[in-house]
Amino acid sequence: MAKSTTTEARKKDTREKIELGGLIVKAGLRYEKRSLLLGLLIDAAKRIKGDETEKARLAAIGAEAFGNDGE
């Protein structure tokens, strides 16, 4: 039973990582260096911390991108 739970958790983790990678591709950043991508994400995390207006603005941009692709 524990092995099954571990396997399921690993599958879920793998699926999540694949989906997150898909977001990088969807944003048009597939060919950027990993250090740049990490820097962008770290900077964004700092920018949105406690700033609900910025979170809402970025969420709207993301929702529009998903809407344009039928997702």
PDB file of N, CA and C in Angstrom:
ATOM      1  N   MET A   1       0.823  -1.201   0.000  1.00  0.00           N
ATOM      2  CA  MET A   1       0.000   0.000   0.000  1.00  0.00           C
ATOM      3  C   MET A   1       0.861   1.256   0.000  1.00  0.00           C
ATOM      4  N   ALA A   2       1.910   1.273   0.822  1.00  0.00           N
ATOM      5  CA  ALA A   2       2.782   2.445   0.889  1.00  0.00           C
ATOM      6  C   ALA A   2       3.483   2.669  -0.444  1.00  0.00           C
ATOM      7  N   LYS A   3       3.859   1.587  -1.117  1.00  0.00           N
ATOM      8  CA  LYS A   3       4.526   1.708  -2.413  1.00  0.00           C
ATOM      9  C   LYS A   3       3.583   2.321  -3.440  1.00  0.00           C
ATOM     10  N   SER A   4       2.338   1.921  -3.412  1.00  0.00           N
ATOM     11  CA  SER A   4       1.333   2.469  -4.322  1.00  0.00           C
ATOM     12  C   SER A   4       1.136   3.958  -4.081  1.00  0.00           C
ATOM     13  N   THR A   5       1.099   4.357  -2.816  1.00  0.00           N
ATOM     14  CA  THR A   5       0.939   5.765  -2.464  1.00  0.00           C
ATOM     15  C   THR A   5       2.135   6.567  -2.949  1.00  0.00           C
ATOM     16  N   THR A   6       3.333   6.025  -2.773  1.00  0.00           N
ATOM     17  CA  THR A   6       4.551   6.700  -3.220  1.00  0.00           C
ATOM     18  C   THR A   6       4.556   6.836  -4.734  1.00  0.00           C
ATOM     19  N   THR A   7       4.164   5.804  -5.425  1.00  0.00           N
ATOM     20  CA  THR A   7       4.115   5.836  -6.888  1.00  0.00           C
ATOM     21  C   THR A   7       3.123   6.885  -7.370  1.00  0.00           C
ATOM     22  N   GLU A   8       1.967   6.927  -6.750  1.00  0.00           N
ATOM     23  CA  GLU A   8       0.966   7.918  -7.132  1.00  0.00           C
ATOM     24  C   GLU A   8       1.459   9.335  -6.873  1.00  0.00           C
ATOM     25  N   ALA A   9       2.131   9.539  -5.757  1.00  0.00           N
ATOM     26  CA  ALA A   9       2.669  10.865  -5.440  1.00  0.00           C
ATOM     27  C   ALA A   9       3.721  11.271  -6.457  1.00  0.00           C
ATOM     28  N   ARG A  10       4.556  10.332  -6.867  1.00  0.00           N
ATOM     29  CA  ARG A  10       5.578  10.623  -7.877  1.00  0.00           C
ATOM     30  C   ARG A  10       4.946  10.952  -9.226  1.00  0.00           C
ATOM     31  N   LYS A  11       3.910  10.225  -9.594  1.00  0.00           N
ATOM     32  CA  LYS A  11       3.210  10.496 -10.847  1.00  0.00           C
ATOM     33  C   LYS A  11       2.577  11.885 -10.823  1.00  0.00           C
ATOM     34  N   LYS A  12       1.973  12.227  -9.701  1.00  0.00           N
ATOM     35  CA  LYS A  12       1.349  13.542  -9.562  1.00  0.00           C
ATOM     36  C   LYS A  12       2.399  14.640  -9.666  1.00  0.00           C
ATOM     37  N   ASP A  13       3.545  14.449  -9.003  1.00  0.00           N
ATOM     38  CA  ASP A  13       4.632  15.420  -9.041  1.00  0.00           C
ATOM     39  C   ASP A  13       5.168  15.582 -10.464  1.00  0.00           C
ATOM     40  N   THR A  14       5.334  14.471 -11.155  1.00  0.00           N
ATOM     41  CA  THR A  14       5.826  14.509 -12.536  1.00  0.00           C
ATOM     42  C   THR A  14       4.846  15.251 -13.436  1.00  0.00           C
ATOM     43  N   ARG A  15       3.568  14.975 -13.303  1.00  0.00           N
ATOM     44  CA  ARG A  15       2.532  15.632 -14.111  1.00  0.00           C
ATOM     45  C   ARG A  15       2.554  17.138 -13.870  1.00  0.00           C
ATOM     46  N   GLU A  16       2.690  17.540 -12.619  1.00  0.00           N
ATOM     47  CA  GLU A  16       2.731  18.963 -12.274  1.00  0.00           C
ATOM     48  C   GLU A  16       3.936  19.648 -12.921  1.00  0.00           C
ATOM     49  N   LYS A  17       5.086  19.006 -12.887  1.00  0.00           N
ATOM     50  CA  LYS A  17       6.295  19.572 -13.492  1.00  0.00           C
ATOM     51  C   LYS A  17       6.149  19.700 -15.005  1.00  0.00           C
ATOM     52  N   ILE A  18       5.542  18.712 -15.627  1.00  0.00           N
ATOM     53  CA  ILE A  18       5.307  18.778 -17.072  1.00  0.00           C
ATOM     54  C   ILE A  18       4.383  19.946 -17.394  1.00  0.00           C
ATOM     55  N   GLU A  19       3.328  20.117 -16.620  1.00  0.00           N
ATOM     56  CA  GLU A  19       2.398  21.222 -16.841  1.00  0.00           C
ATOM     57  C   GLU A  19       3.085  22.573 -16.660  1.00  0.00           C
ATOM     58  N   LEU A  20       3.935  22.682 -15.647  1.00  0.00           N
ATOM     59  CA  LEU A  20       4.659  23.940 -15.422  1.00  0.00           C
ATOM     60  C   LEU A  20       5.620  24.225 -16.577  1.00  0.00           C
ATOM     61  N   GLY A  21       6.252  23.202 -17.096  1.00  0.00           N
ATOM     62  CA  GLY A  21       7.111  23.376 -18.266  1.00  0.00           C
ATOM     63  C   GLY A  21       6.308  23.855 -19.465  1.00  0.00           C
ATOM     64  N   GLY A  22       5.096  23.364 -19.592  1.00  0.00           N
ATOM     65  CA  GLY A  22       4.218  23.797 -20.672  1.00  0.00           C
ATOM     66  C   GLY A  22       3.904  25.279 -20.588  1.00  0.00           C
ATOM     67  N   LEU A  23       3.840  25.806 -19.385  1.00  0.00           N
ATOM     68  CA  LEU A  23       3.603  27.244 -19.226  1.00  0.00           C
ATOM     69  C   LEU A  23       4.778  28.056 -19.760  1.00  0.00           C
ATOM     70  N   ILE A  24       5.979  27.569 -19.565  1.00  0.00           N
ATOM     71  CA  ILE A  24       7.171  28.245 -20.093  1.00  0.00           C
ATOM     72  C   ILE A  24       7.085  28.290 -21.619  1.00  0.00           C
ATOM     73  N   VAL A  25       6.713  27.178 -22.216  1.00  0.00           N
ATOM     74  CA  VAL A  25       6.578  27.112 -23.672  1.00  0.00           C
ATOM     75  C   VAL A  25       5.479  28.061 -24.138  1.00  0.00           C
ATOM     76  N   LYS A  26       4.331  28.028 -23.462  1.00  0.00           N
ATOM     77  CA  LYS A  26       3.197  28.872 -23.842  1.00  0.00           C
ATOM     78  C   LYS A  26       3.539  30.350 -23.754  1.00  0.00           C
ATOM     79  N   ALA A  27       4.404  30.713 -22.823  1.00  0.00           N
ATOM     80  CA  ALA A  27       4.814  32.110 -22.663  1.00  0.00           C
ATOM     81  C   ALA A  27       5.843  32.534 -23.712  1.00  0.00           C
ATOM     82  N   GLY A  28       6.270  31.590 -24.547  1.00  0.00           N
ATOM     83  CA  GLY A  28       7.234  31.913 -25.593  1.00  0.00           C
ATOM     84  C   GLY A  28       8.670  31.962 -25.095  1.00  0.00           C
ATOM     85  N   LEU A  29       8.936  31.269 -24.000  1.00  0.00           N
ATOM     86  CA  LEU A  29      10.261  31.326 -23.378  1.00  0.00           C
ATOM     87  C   LEU A  29      11.034  30.008 -23.495  1.00  0.00           C
ATOM     88  N   ARG A  30      10.625  29.143 -24.389  1.00  0.00           N
ATOM     89  CA  ARG A  30      11.207  27.811 -24.521  1.00  0.00           C
ATOM     90  C   ARG A  30      12.723  27.839 -24.683  1.00  0.00           C
ATOM     91  N   TYR A  31      13.250  28.793 -25.431  1.00  0.00           N
ATOM     92  CA  TYR A  31      14.665  28.774 -25.775  1.00  0.00           C
ATOM     93  C   TYR A  31      15.523  29.703 -24.915  1.00  0.00           C
ATOM     94  N   GLU A  32      14.945  30.242 -23.860  1.00  0.00           N
ATOM     95  CA  GLU A  32      15.717  31.101 -22.964  1.00  0.00           C
ATOM     96  C   GLU A  32      16.539  30.240 -22.002  1.00  0.00           C
ATOM     97  N   LYS A  33      17.617  30.828 -21.512  1.00  0.00           N
ATOM     98  CA  LYS A  33      18.467  30.109 -20.567  1.00  0.00           C
ATOM     99  C   LYS A  33      17.718  29.880 -19.260  1.00  0.00           C
ATOM    100  N   ARG A  34      18.028  28.777 -18.624  1.00  0.00           N
ATOM    101  CA  ARG A  34      17.371  28.431 -17.361  1.00  0.00           C
ATOM    102  C   ARG A  34      17.615  29.482 -16.297  1.00  0.00           C
ATOM    103  N   SER A  35      18.815  30.057 -16.279  1.00  0.00           N
ATOM    104  CA  SER A  35      19.109  31.082 -15.273  1.00  0.00           C
ATOM    105  C   SER A  35      18.222  32.305 -15.474  1.00  0.00           C
ATOM    106  N   LEU A  36      17.939  32.658 -16.728  1.00  0.00           N
ATOM    107  CA  LEU A  36      17.036  33.775 -16.999  1.00  0.00           C
ATOM    108  C   LEU A  36      15.625  33.442 -16.529  1.00  0.00           C
ATOM    109  N   LEU A  37      15.165  32.241 -16.850  1.00  0.00           N
ATOM    110  CA  LEU A  37      13.818  31.837 -16.434  1.00  0.00           C
ATOM    111  C   LEU A  37      13.681  31.860 -14.917  1.00  0.00           C
ATOM    112  N   LEU A  38      14.671  31.341 -14.227  1.00  0.00           N
ATOM    113  CA  LEU A  38      14.614  31.343 -12.775  1.00  0.00           C
ATOM    114  C   LEU A  38      14.632  32.770 -12.249  1.00  0.00           C
ATOM    115  N   GLY A  39      15.454  33.624 -12.837  1.00  0.00           N
ATOM    116  CA  GLY A  39      15.490  35.027 -12.425  1.00  0.00           C
ATOM    117  C   GLY A  39      14.156  35.715 -12.626  1.00  0.00           C
ATOM    118  N   LEU A  40      13.511  35.444 -13.754  1.00  0.00           N
ATOM    119  CA  LEU A  40      12.188  36.021 -14.012  1.00  0.00           C
ATOM    120  C   LEU A  40      11.180  35.588 -12.943  1.00  0.00           C
ATOM    121  N   LEU A  41      11.204  34.315 -12.617  1.00  0.00           N
ATOM    122  CA  LEU A  41      10.257  33.791 -11.637  1.00  0.00           C
ATOM    123  C   LEU A  41      10.529  34.332 -10.237  1.00  0.00           C
ATOM    124  N   ILE A  42      11.791  34.427  -9.873  1.00  0.00           N
ATOM    125  CA  ILE A  42      12.135  34.976  -8.562  1.00  0.00           C
ATOM    126  C   ILE A  42      11.712  36.440  -8.477  1.00  0.00           C
ATOM    127  N   ASP A  43      11.982  37.199  -9.531  1.00  0.00           N
ATOM    128  CA  ASP A  43      11.591  38.605  -9.556  1.00  0.00           C
ATOM    129  C   ASP A  43      10.070  38.749  -9.469  1.00  0.00           C
ATOM    130  N   ALA A  44       9.359  37.920 -10.221  1.00  0.00           N
ATOM    131  CA  ALA A  44       7.897  37.979 -10.197  1.00  0.00           C
ATOM    132  C   ALA A  44       7.359  37.625  -8.811  1.00  0.00           C
ATOM    133  N   ALA A  45       7.952  36.630  -8.178  1.00  0.00           N
ATOM    134  CA  ALA A  45       7.500  36.238  -6.844  1.00  0.00           C
ATOM    135  C   ALA A  45       7.661  37.395  -5.862  1.00  0.00           C
ATOM    136  N   LYS A  46       8.755  38.120  -5.979  1.00  0.00           N
ATOM    137  CA  LYS A  46       8.975  39.281  -5.109  1.00  0.00           C
ATOM    138  C   LYS A  46       7.976  40.389  -5.415  1.00  0.00           C
ATOM    139  N   ARG A  47       7.698  40.601  -6.702  1.00  0.00           N
ATOM    140  CA  ARG A  47       6.790  41.671  -7.108  1.00  0.00           C
ATOM    141  C   ARG A  47       5.364  41.449  -6.632  1.00  0.00           C
ATOM    142  N   ILE A  48       4.917  40.201  -6.640  1.00  0.00           N
ATOM    143  CA  ILE A  48       3.515  39.937  -6.297  1.00  0.00           C
ATOM    144  C   ILE A  48       3.300  39.729  -4.807  1.00  0.00           C
ATOM    145  N   LYS A  49       4.362  39.554  -4.054  1.00  0.00           N
ATOM    146  CA  LYS A  49       4.229  39.308  -2.619  1.00  0.00           C
ATOM    147  C   LYS A  49       3.519  40.492  -1.956  1.00  0.00           C
ATOM    148  N   GLY A  50       2.314  40.243  -1.519  1.00  0.00           N
ATOM    149  CA  GLY A  50       1.534  41.264  -0.837  1.00  0.00           C
ATOM    150  C   GLY A  50       0.927  42.321  -1.747  1.00  0.00           C
ATOM    151  N   ASP A  51       1.044  42.166  -3.044  1.00  0.00           N
ATOM    152  CA  ASP A  51       0.512  43.161  -3.986  1.00  0.00           C
ATOM    153  C   ASP A  51      -0.629  42.537  -4.783  1.00  0.00           C
ATOM    154  N   GLU A  52      -1.808  42.631  -4.243  1.00  0.00           N
ATOM    155  CA  GLU A  52      -2.980  42.014  -4.875  1.00  0.00           C
ATOM    156  C   GLU A  52      -3.294  42.632  -6.239  1.00  0.00           C
ATOM    157  N   THR A  53      -2.993  43.903  -6.407  1.00  0.00           N
ATOM    158  CA  THR A  53      -3.243  44.556  -7.694  1.00  0.00           C
ATOM    159  C   THR A  53      -2.363  43.950  -8.773  1.00  0.00           C
ATOM    160  N   GLU A  54      -1.097  43.744  -8.453  1.00  0.00           N
ATOM    161  CA  GLU A  54      -0.166  43.148  -9.425  1.00  0.00           C
ATOM    162  C   GLU A  54      -0.541  41.697  -9.710  1.00  0.00           C
ATOM    163  N   LYS A  55      -0.952  40.971  -8.681  1.00  0.00           N
ATOM    164  CA  LYS A  55      -1.402  39.590  -8.884  1.00  0.00           C
ATOM    165  C   LYS A  55      -2.588  39.557  -9.844  1.00  0.00           C
ATOM    166  N   ALA A  56      -3.537  40.443  -9.628  1.00  0.00           N
ATOM    167  CA  ALA A  56      -4.730  40.486 -10.472  1.00  0.00           C
ATOM    168  C   ALA A  56      -4.371  40.852 -11.906  1.00  0.00           C
ATOM    169  N   ARG A  57      -3.459  41.819 -12.069  1.00  0.00           N
ATOM    170  CA  ARG A  57      -3.036  42.233 -13.400  1.00  0.00           C
ATOM    171  C   ARG A  57      -2.383  41.069 -14.152  1.00  0.00           C
ATOM    172  N   LEU A  58      -1.487  40.374 -13.487  1.00  0.00           N
ATOM    173  CA  LEU A  58      -0.806  39.256 -14.130  1.00  0.00           C
ATOM    174  C   LEU A  58      -1.747  38.081 -14.374  1.00  0.00           C
ATOM    175  N   ALA A  59      -2.668  37.844 -13.457  1.00  0.00           N
ATOM    176  CA  ALA A  59      -3.653  36.777 -13.647  1.00  0.00           C
ATOM    177  C   ALA A  59      -4.540  37.062 -14.856  1.00  0.00           C
ATOM    178  N   ALA A  60      -4.879  38.322 -15.068  1.00  0.00           N
ATOM    179  CA  ALA A  60      -5.693  38.696 -16.224  1.00  0.00           C
ATOM    180  C   ALA A  60      -4.930  38.444 -17.526  1.00  0.00           C
ATOM    181  N   ILE A  61      -3.655  38.753 -17.534  1.00  0.00           N
ATOM    182  CA  ILE A  61      -2.825  38.492 -18.719  1.00  0.00           C
ATOM    183  C   ILE A  61      -2.785  36.990 -18.996  1.00  0.00           C
ATOM    184  N   GLY A  62      -2.593  36.198 -17.949  1.00  0.00           N
ATOM    185  CA  GLY A  62      -2.558  34.748 -18.111  1.00  0.00           C
ATOM    186  C   GLY A  62      -3.886  34.179 -18.567  1.00  0.00           C
ATOM    187  N   ALA A  63      -4.969  34.670 -17.985  1.00  0.00           N
ATOM    188  CA  ALA A  63      -6.297  34.185 -18.372  1.00  0.00           C
ATOM    189  C   ALA A  63      -6.582  34.500 -19.833  1.00  0.00           C
ATOM    190  N   GLU A  64      -6.164  35.675 -20.280  1.00  0.00           N
ATOM    191  CA  GLU A  64      -6.355  36.035 -21.681  1.00  0.00           C
ATOM    192  C   GLU A  64      -5.555  35.109 -22.584  1.00  0.00           C
ATOM    193  N   ALA A  65      -4.324  34.803 -22.198  1.00  0.00           N
ATOM    194  CA  ALA A  65      -3.490  33.885 -22.996  1.00  0.00           C
ATOM    195  C   ALA A  65      -4.122  32.505 -23.084  1.00  0.00           C
ATOM    196  N   PHE A  66      -4.669  32.004 -21.978  1.00  0.00           N
ATOM    197  CA  PHE A  66      -5.351  30.717 -22.006  1.00  0.00           C
ATOM    198  C   PHE A  66      -6.607  30.803 -22.852  1.00  0.00           C
ATOM    199  N   GLY A  67      -7.334  31.907 -22.762  1.00  0.00           N
ATOM    200  CA  GLY A  67      -8.561  32.072 -23.538  1.00  0.00           C
ATOM    201  C   GLY A  67      -8.313  32.109 -25.026  1.00  0.00           C
ATOM    202  N   ASN A  68      -7.193  32.698 -25.420  1.00  0.00           N
ATOM    203  CA  ASN A  68      -6.855  32.781 -26.841  1.00  0.00           C
ATOM    204  C   ASN A  68      -6.482  31.434 -27.430  1.00  0.00           C
ATOM    205  N   ASP A  69      -6.190  30.467 -26.569  1.00  0.00           N
ATOM    206  CA  ASP A  69      -5.787  29.154 -27.024  1.00  0.00           C
ATOM    207  C   ASP A  69      -6.891  28.128 -26.812  1.00  0.00           C
ATOM    208  N   GLY A  70      -8.041  28.588 -26.328  1.00  0.00           N
ATOM    209  CA  GLY A  70      -9.158  27.697 -26.099  1.00  0.00           C
ATOM    210  C   GLY A  70      -9.042  26.858 -24.844  1.00  0.00           C
ATOM    211  N   GLU A  71      -8.122  27.215 -23.939  1.00  0.00           N
ATOM    212  CA  GLU A  71      -7.955  26.429 -22.697  1.00  0.00           C
ATOM    213  C   GLU A  71      -8.684  27.084 -21.562  1.00  0.00           C
TER     214      GLU A  71
END
